[in-house]
Amino acid sequence: MNLTRWLVICLSCAAALSTLPAANAAEYQVGEVISLTGVNARGGTGMHEGIKVAESVFNQRPGDVKIKIQTIDDESSPAKAVAAVERLAANNVLAITGGATSDIVGPAATAADKLGLPFMTSGGTSSEFLTQGFHSFFRINNTTGYVKAMAGLLDSMQIKKLAIIYSTKKSTSEMARMMQQQMAEKGVTVTLHPFEATTVDFKPIINKIKLKDQPDAINMIGYENDYVGILRAARVLRPPVKAMVGAWQIATAKMYQDFPDLVEKTYGTEMLPVPVTFNRPEGQAFEAAFRKLYPHEPDYLSQYGFVQGMLLFEAIARAEAAGTLDKGGIAQELRSTAADTIIGQVRFSAQGDNEEFMQNIGQHQKGKIAIVWPENAATGAMQFPGTPW
């Protein structure tokens, strides 16, 4: 049974299912290693919420397999992520999901691979994971899908000079290099400005960009705290750019709630507008379940968590039906996945990469987020030129 049909059944049959006995259902444990505290807490919490929604939706569907999530907060520490994987393995989980960033995913996935556990994530986008020789590593998104989206947006703006400010972390450095290459191929002059993860004062970088680079736009490649620091510095120094474009974790309702004076008119990767509008049954099922569990709008992070969770749980159910749970069946079932999900098509390569992945771009517009690129997905007009100051 495919993912969409499951979700439709969940919507139409939830009331009836709640009265049915579950005595014959087998409950399988899945480990979640996720950053609920520390520097990655915002991203990790969003993914966690989506995974918990997937657990709720999956367990309401007809079937003899139920899922129980065991969650351990890695506190945004790679070492603690490894310890969490080892602890969960000792608790007899069938697979691991989570991993808020590539710096966490790398060591956690390595530990899971050594223990023979499948690892599913939406937080490890670095291309290096495809060459590590992992036996059962899977991800629903990748750096390429983000780069294509940001480059496409900037191309539509006819940007000729671009300054890229990026964190020296693994995945952000890779994304910056890919952005430089793609934009240079389009004839754009690109300058790179790396910063360490501990940086809090971005005024020297912004001032250099303002006085020396004089770009048409600034591309910010980092995480929430980085964006806040960059935008605060830019608001003070006011570089004469036409757009501030970020990568993940900026085009979210939470960022506007916390920093409305900083993010107005900024751009970031996003799948759906805010407030969220779902027109298909699987999206409506996700939204309904999300709102029962959480008192705020779902965002793309929770959408990712939901999709990675559902695909993993579906694979477990298929492997259980085939009698291959202890014979590598989960990884085998994931490799055969071909699903139309709320983030688009998912089809895993032999290395576990979702080569179908492609992002949209959203823009903060007075408390809402409009999808402004690509044109065929747009829910609002781009406010360009435009910056928060």
Protein backbone atom coordinates (compact mmCIF):
# COMPACT_ATOMS: atom_id res chain seq x y z
CA MET A 1 0.00 0.00 0.00
CA ASN A 2 1.49 3.38 -0.96
CA LEU A 3 2.01 6.36 1.32
CA THR A 4 -0.82 8.48 -0.12
CA ARG A 5 -3.39 5.73 0.25
CA TRP A 6 -2.34 5.10 3.85
CA LEU A 7 -2.84 8.75 4.70
CA VAL A 8 -6.26 8.92 3.05
CA ILE A 9 -7.30 5.86 5.04
CA CYS A 10 -6.01 7.53 8.22
CA LEU A 11 -8.20 10.57 7.62
CA SER A 12 -11.36 8.65 6.81
CA CYS A 13 -11.03 5.81 9.30
CA ALA A 14 -9.30 7.31 12.37
CA ALA A 15 -12.47 7.30 14.50
CA ALA A 16 -13.29 3.71 13.65
CA LEU A 17 -9.73 2.53 14.14
CA SER A 18 -9.56 4.02 17.63
CA THR A 19 -12.20 1.50 18.73
CA LEU A 20 -10.44 -1.56 17.30
CA PRO A 21 -8.29 -3.77 19.51
CA ALA A 22 -4.56 -3.66 18.85
CA ALA A 23 -3.77 -6.87 20.69
CA ASN A 24 -2.41 -8.58 17.59
CA ALA A 25 -0.29 -5.66 16.40
CA ALA A 26 3.48 -5.97 16.70
CA GLU A 27 5.18 -2.85 18.11
CA TYR A 28 8.63 -2.12 16.74
CA GLN A 29 11.11 0.31 18.26
CA VAL A 30 12.77 3.04 16.17
CA GLY A 31 15.51 5.25 17.60
CA GLU A 32 15.55 9.01 17.11
CA VAL A 33 18.81 10.90 17.68
CA ILE A 34 17.96 14.58 17.44
CA SER A 35 19.12 18.02 18.62
CA LEU A 36 16.43 19.31 20.98
CA THR A 37 18.86 21.59 22.81
CA GLY A 38 22.07 23.39 21.84
CA VAL A 39 22.84 25.38 18.70
CA ASN A 40 20.82 23.08 16.42
CA ALA A 41 17.72 23.03 18.63
CA ARG A 42 15.41 24.95 16.29
CA GLY A 43 16.07 22.70 13.32
CA GLY A 44 16.14 19.56 15.43
CA THR A 45 12.86 20.39 17.14
CA GLY A 46 11.14 20.94 13.79
CA MET A 47 12.32 17.56 12.49
CA HIS A 48 11.35 15.87 15.77
CA GLU A 49 7.81 17.23 15.57
CA GLY A 50 7.41 15.82 12.07
CA ILE A 51 8.73 12.41 13.13
CA LYS A 52 6.26 12.30 16.02
CA VAL A 53 3.42 13.21 13.65
CA ALA A 54 4.52 10.35 11.39
CA GLU A 55 4.43 7.99 14.38
CA SER A 56 0.87 9.12 15.18
CA VAL A 57 -0.40 8.89 11.59
CA PHE A 58 1.28 5.56 10.89
CA ASN A 59 -0.09 3.95 14.04
CA GLN A 60 -3.66 4.92 13.09
CA ARG A 61 -3.58 3.06 9.78
CA PRO A 62 -4.88 -0.50 9.40
CA GLY A 63 -2.15 -3.07 9.78
CA ASP A 64 -0.35 -5.39 12.15
CA VAL A 65 2.73 -3.17 12.61
CA LYS A 66 2.93 -0.28 15.06
CA ILE A 67 5.91 1.99 15.72
CA LYS A 68 7.28 3.31 19.01
CA ILE A 69 9.86 6.11 18.87
CA GLN A 70 12.68 6.20 21.41
CA THR A 71 14.07 9.76 21.40
CA ILE A 72 17.47 10.87 22.73
CA ASP A 73 18.54 14.53 22.63
CA ASP A 74 22.10 14.73 21.30
CA GLU A 75 22.37 18.31 22.61
CA SER A 76 23.89 19.35 19.24
CA SER A 77 27.03 17.36 20.13
CA PRO A 78 28.52 14.84 17.65
CA ALA A 79 30.00 12.80 20.50
CA LYS A 80 26.66 12.63 22.29
CA ALA A 81 24.98 11.64 19.03
CA VAL A 82 27.30 8.64 18.75
CA ALA A 83 26.61 7.68 22.36
CA ALA A 84 22.87 8.00 21.68
CA VAL A 85 23.08 5.64 18.69
CA GLU A 86 24.95 3.08 20.77
CA ARG A 87 22.44 3.37 23.61
CA LEU A 88 19.49 2.96 21.25
CA ALA A 89 21.12 -0.06 19.64
CA ALA A 90 21.39 -1.61 23.10
CA ASN A 91 17.65 -0.94 23.46
CA ASN A 92 17.05 -3.11 20.37
CA VAL A 93 15.76 -0.48 17.96
CA LEU A 94 15.39 -1.55 14.33
CA ALA A 95 16.64 1.69 12.78
CA ILE A 96 17.78 5.24 13.56
CA THR A 97 16.28 8.48 12.29
CA GLY A 98 17.07 12.15 13.01
CA GLY A 99 20.31 14.06 12.65
CA ALA A 100 19.73 17.83 12.53
CA THR A 101 22.92 18.79 10.64
CA SER A 102 25.65 17.11 8.62
CA ASP A 103 28.10 17.53 11.50
CA ILE A 104 25.80 15.37 13.62
CA VAL A 105 24.73 12.99 10.87
CA GLY A 106 28.30 12.02 9.93
CA PRO A 107 29.37 10.44 13.21
CA ALA A 108 25.86 9.20 14.06
CA ALA A 109 25.44 7.45 10.69
CA THR A 110 28.92 5.94 11.02
CA ALA A 111 28.01 4.53 14.43
CA ALA A 112 24.70 3.18 13.10
CA ASP A 113 26.43 1.56 10.14
CA LYS A 114 28.92 -0.24 12.39
CA LEU A 115 26.00 -1.58 14.41
CA GLY A 116 24.09 -2.69 11.30
CA LEU A 117 21.24 -0.21 11.74
CA PRO A 118 19.59 1.69 8.85
CA PHE A 119 19.90 5.47 9.23
CA MET A 120 17.28 7.84 7.76
CA THR A 121 17.68 11.63 7.80
CA SER A 122 16.84 14.97 6.26
CA GLY A 123 19.66 16.75 8.06
CA GLY A 124 22.71 15.28 6.32
CA THR A 125 22.91 16.95 2.91
CA SER A 126 26.67 16.78 2.36
CA SER A 127 27.76 14.76 -0.69
CA GLU A 128 30.50 13.01 1.31
CA PHE A 129 27.93 10.66 2.85
CA LEU A 130 27.46 9.04 -0.54
CA THR A 131 31.10 7.96 -0.66
CA GLN A 132 31.47 6.68 2.91
CA GLY A 133 30.56 3.12 2.02
CA PHE A 134 27.50 3.09 4.30
CA HIS A 135 25.40 -0.04 3.84
CA SER A 136 22.01 1.47 4.77
CA PHE A 137 22.17 5.27 4.81
CA PHE A 138 19.19 7.19 3.38
CA ARG A 139 18.27 10.85 3.10
CA ILE A 140 15.30 12.60 1.52
CA ASN A 141 17.11 15.84 0.61
CA ASN A 142 20.56 16.94 -0.52
CA THR A 143 22.73 19.98 -1.13
CA THR A 144 22.13 19.88 -4.88
CA GLY A 145 18.39 20.50 -4.46
CA TYR A 146 19.02 23.58 -2.30
CA VAL A 147 21.67 24.99 -4.63
CA LYS A 148 19.46 24.60 -7.70
CA ALA A 149 16.71 26.55 -5.97
CA MET A 150 18.85 29.44 -4.73
CA ALA A 151 20.72 29.70 -8.03
CA GLY A 152 17.43 29.65 -9.91
CA LEU A 153 16.03 32.46 -7.77
CA LEU A 154 19.13 34.63 -8.18
CA ASP A 155 19.14 33.99 -11.91
CA SER A 156 15.51 35.13 -12.14
CA MET A 157 16.58 38.34 -10.36
CA GLN A 158 19.31 38.83 -12.97
CA ILE A 159 21.95 39.18 -10.26
CA LYS A 160 25.40 40.04 -11.69
CA LYS A 161 27.47 40.29 -8.49
CA LEU A 162 26.95 38.02 -5.49
CA ALA A 163 28.56 37.86 -2.05
CA ILE A 164 28.29 34.51 -0.26
CA ILE A 165 28.64 34.45 3.54
CA TYR A 166 28.95 30.88 4.77
CA SER A 167 29.72 28.83 7.85
CA THR A 168 32.84 26.69 7.64
CA LYS A 169 30.85 23.65 8.76
CA LYS A 170 30.87 20.67 6.41
CA SER A 171 27.56 20.97 4.55
CA THR A 172 27.52 24.77 4.43
CA SER A 173 31.05 24.92 2.99
CA GLU A 174 30.06 22.45 0.30
CA MET A 175 26.93 24.42 -0.51
CA ALA A 176 28.93 27.65 -0.81
CA ARG A 177 31.37 26.05 -3.25
CA MET A 178 28.52 24.66 -5.34
CA MET A 179 26.76 28.03 -5.36
CA GLN A 180 29.96 29.76 -6.45
CA GLN A 181 30.40 27.31 -9.30
CA GLN A 182 26.82 27.50 -10.53
CA MET A 183 26.64 31.29 -10.40
CA ALA A 184 30.07 31.69 -12.02
CA GLU A 185 28.89 29.47 -14.87
CA LYS A 186 26.07 31.97 -15.38
CA GLY A 187 28.59 34.82 -15.65
CA VAL A 188 28.05 36.15 -12.12
CA THR A 189 30.97 37.62 -10.16
CA VAL A 190 31.09 35.80 -6.81
CA THR A 191 33.02 36.59 -3.63
CA LEU A 192 33.24 34.16 -0.72
CA HIS A 193 33.27 35.10 2.97
CA PRO A 194 33.68 32.14 5.34
CA PHE A 195 33.08 32.41 9.08
CA GLU A 196 33.63 30.06 12.00
CA ALA A 197 30.64 28.60 13.81
CA THR A 198 31.55 30.59 16.93
CA THR A 199 31.27 33.95 15.14
CA VAL A 200 28.83 36.39 16.75
CA ASP A 201 29.92 39.74 15.26
CA PHE A 202 29.36 39.85 11.50
CA LYS A 203 29.92 43.60 11.07
CA PRO A 204 33.50 43.21 9.71
CA ILE A 205 32.27 40.85 6.98
CA ILE A 206 29.26 43.00 6.10
CA ASN A 207 31.40 46.14 6.04
CA LYS A 208 33.90 44.48 3.68
CA ILE A 209 31.07 43.40 1.41
CA LYS A 210 29.58 46.89 1.45
CA LEU A 211 32.81 48.76 0.72
CA LYS A 212 34.73 46.32 -1.49
CA ASP A 213 32.41 43.77 -3.11
CA GLN A 214 29.37 46.00 -3.70
CA PRO A 215 27.21 43.04 -4.77
CA ASP A 216 23.64 43.01 -6.02
CA ALA A 217 22.67 40.38 -3.44
CA ILE A 218 24.00 38.53 -0.39
CA ASN A 219 23.63 34.75 -0.09
CA MET A 220 23.67 33.57 3.54
CA ILE A 221 24.54 29.90 4.04
CA GLY A 222 24.39 28.89 7.67
CA TYR A 223 21.90 28.23 10.45
CA GLU A 224 19.37 30.25 12.48
CA ASN A 225 21.81 31.93 14.85
CA ASP A 226 24.07 32.83 11.92
CA TYR A 227 21.24 34.47 10.02
CA VAL A 228 20.26 36.51 13.04
CA GLY A 229 23.83 37.79 13.45
CA ILE A 230 24.28 38.54 9.74
CA LEU A 231 20.96 40.36 9.45
CA ARG A 232 21.59 42.40 12.60
CA ALA A 233 24.93 43.53 11.20
CA ALA A 234 23.39 44.30 7.81
CA ARG A 235 20.61 46.30 9.42
CA VAL A 236 23.21 48.54 11.08
CA LEU A 237 25.53 48.92 8.07
CA ARG A 238 22.84 48.82 5.34
CA PRO A 239 24.75 47.47 2.34
CA PRO A 240 23.00 48.63 -0.86
CA VAL A 241 21.93 45.16 -2.01
CA LYS A 242 18.69 44.15 -3.68
CA ALA A 243 18.10 40.90 -1.80
CA MET A 244 19.16 38.82 1.20
CA VAL A 245 18.86 35.12 0.33
CA GLY A 246 19.34 32.35 2.89
CA ALA A 247 19.39 28.58 2.70
CA TRP A 248 17.56 26.30 5.13
CA GLN A 249 16.02 27.37 8.47
CA ILE A 250 15.24 30.98 7.61
CA ALA A 251 11.92 30.93 5.72
CA THR A 252 9.95 29.68 8.72
CA ALA A 253 7.07 31.08 10.76
CA LYS A 254 9.17 30.75 13.91
CA MET A 255 11.90 33.02 12.53
CA TYR A 256 9.34 35.74 11.83
CA GLN A 257 7.73 35.35 15.25
CA ASP A 258 11.10 35.75 16.98
CA PHE A 259 12.77 38.29 14.64
CA PRO A 260 10.14 40.16 12.59
CA ASP A 261 12.36 43.24 12.21
CA LEU A 262 15.22 41.15 10.78
CA VAL A 263 13.63 38.75 8.29
CA GLU A 264 11.05 40.86 6.44
CA LYS A 265 11.53 40.43 2.65
CA THR A 266 14.35 37.91 3.10
CA TYR A 267 14.30 34.68 1.08
CA GLY A 268 14.94 31.07 2.05
CA THR A 269 14.31 27.52 0.93
CA GLU A 270 10.78 26.42 1.72
CA MET A 271 8.34 23.81 0.42
CA LEU A 272 4.98 25.43 1.22
CA PRO A 273 3.62 28.89 2.04
CA VAL A 274 2.86 30.09 5.57
CA PRO A 275 0.04 29.85 6.59
CA VAL A 276 0.27 26.35 5.18
CA THR A 277 -2.14 25.29 2.47
CA PHE A 278 -2.43 21.63 1.54
CA ASN A 279 -4.55 20.64 -1.43
CA ARG A 280 -3.82 16.91 -1.51
CA PRO A 281 -5.02 14.18 0.88
CA GLU A 282 -1.57 13.27 2.20
CA GLY A 283 -0.81 16.90 3.04
CA GLN A 284 -4.18 17.34 4.70
CA ALA A 285 -3.58 14.23 6.80
CA PHE A 286 -0.20 15.58 7.89
CA GLU A 287 -1.65 18.99 8.78
CA ALA A 288 -4.59 17.54 10.72
CA ALA A 289 -2.33 15.28 12.76
CA PHE A 290 0.21 18.05 13.32
CA ARG A 291 -2.39 20.47 14.68
CA LYS A 292 -3.61 17.86 17.15
CA LEU A 293 -0.12 17.56 18.59
CA TYR A 294 1.30 21.10 18.33
CA PRO A 295 -0.15 24.62 18.77
CA HIS A 296 1.67 26.25 15.84
CA GLU A 297 2.07 26.14 12.08
CA PRO A 298 3.98 23.22 10.56
CA ASP A 299 7.01 24.21 8.50
CA TYR A 300 9.30 22.49 6.05
CA LEU A 301 11.43 21.02 8.85
CA SER A 302 8.44 19.18 10.28
CA GLN A 303 7.41 18.17 6.75
CA TYR A 304 10.85 16.61 6.25
CA GLY A 305 10.61 14.80 9.58
CA PHE A 306 7.18 13.50 8.67
CA VAL A 307 8.28 12.18 5.27
CA GLN A 308 11.46 10.52 6.52
CA GLY A 309 9.49 8.93 9.34
CA MET A 310 6.66 7.64 7.17
CA LEU A 311 8.99 6.20 4.53
CA LEU A 312 11.03 4.42 7.20
CA PHE A 313 7.96 3.06 8.99
CA GLU A 314 6.48 1.91 5.68
CA ALA A 315 9.69 0.04 4.88
CA ILE A 316 9.62 -1.63 8.30
CA ALA A 317 6.04 -2.80 7.69
CA ARG A 318 6.93 -4.21 4.28
CA ALA A 319 10.01 -5.97 5.65
CA GLU A 320 7.96 -7.43 8.49
CA ALA A 321 5.40 -8.76 6.01
CA ALA A 322 8.21 -10.29 3.94
CA GLY A 323 9.89 -11.83 6.98
CA THR A 324 13.15 -9.96 6.32
CA LEU A 325 13.44 -7.61 9.31
CA ASP A 326 16.56 -9.39 10.54
CA LYS A 327 17.97 -9.94 7.04
CA GLY A 328 18.57 -6.40 5.83
CA GLY A 329 14.97 -6.09 4.71
CA ILE A 330 14.44 -2.50 5.87
CA ALA A 331 17.27 -1.15 3.72
CA GLN A 332 16.15 -3.34 0.82
CA GLU A 333 12.61 -1.97 1.04
CA LEU A 334 13.85 1.62 1.24
CA ARG A 335 15.93 1.13 -1.90
CA SER A 336 12.78 0.04 -3.72
CA THR A 337 10.83 3.10 -2.55
CA ALA A 338 9.16 5.27 -5.18
CA ALA A 339 6.78 7.64 -3.42
CA ASP A 340 4.95 10.89 -4.15
CA THR A 341 5.15 12.74 -0.82
CA ILE A 342 4.37 16.19 0.56
CA ILE A 343 7.91 17.27 -0.38
CA GLY A 344 7.66 15.80 -3.87
CA GLN A 345 8.97 12.59 -5.39
CA VAL A 346 11.29 10.39 -3.35
CA ARG A 347 13.33 7.67 -5.01
CA PHE A 348 16.56 6.46 -3.41
CA SER A 349 19.74 5.74 -5.34
CA ALA A 350 22.00 2.81 -4.48
CA GLN A 351 23.86 5.17 -2.10
CA GLY A 352 20.63 6.23 -0.40
CA ASP A 353 20.33 9.66 -2.01
CA ASN A 354 16.96 11.08 -3.08
CA GLU A 355 17.91 12.25 -6.55
CA GLU A 356 14.41 13.64 -7.15
CA PHE A 357 14.79 16.32 -4.46
CA MET A 358 14.13 19.94 -5.39
CA GLN A 359 13.32 22.92 -3.17
CA ASN A 360 11.10 25.98 -3.59
CA ILE A 361 11.99 29.48 -2.36
CA GLY A 362 9.82 31.46 0.05
CA GLN A 363 9.93 35.15 0.99
CA HIS A 364 8.87 36.69 4.31
CA GLN A 365 6.06 39.15 3.61
CA LYS A 366 4.47 40.83 6.66
CA GLY A 367 4.11 37.74 8.80
CA LYS A 368 3.40 35.37 5.94
CA ILE A 369 5.72 33.40 3.66
CA ALA A 370 4.91 33.41 -0.03
CA ILE A 371 6.44 30.87 -2.40
CA VAL A 372 8.06 33.07 -5.06
CA TRP A 373 10.19 30.54 -7.00
CA PRO A 374 9.79 28.56 -9.19
CA GLU A 375 7.05 30.31 -11.10
CA ASN A 376 4.86 27.20 -11.40
CA ALA A 377 4.79 26.83 -7.58
CA ALA A 378 4.44 30.54 -6.71
CA THR A 379 1.73 31.60 -4.26
CA GLY A 380 2.63 35.29 -4.31
CA ALA A 381 4.60 37.95 -6.15
CA MET A 382 8.26 38.51 -5.29
CA GLN A 383 8.96 41.80 -3.48
CA PHE A 384 12.15 42.71 -5.29
CA PRO A 385 14.27 44.73 -4.70
CA GLY A 386 13.68 44.42 -0.98
CA THR A 387 15.60 44.08 2.30
CA PRO A 388 14.62 44.25 6.00
CA TRP A 389 16.05 47.75 6.41
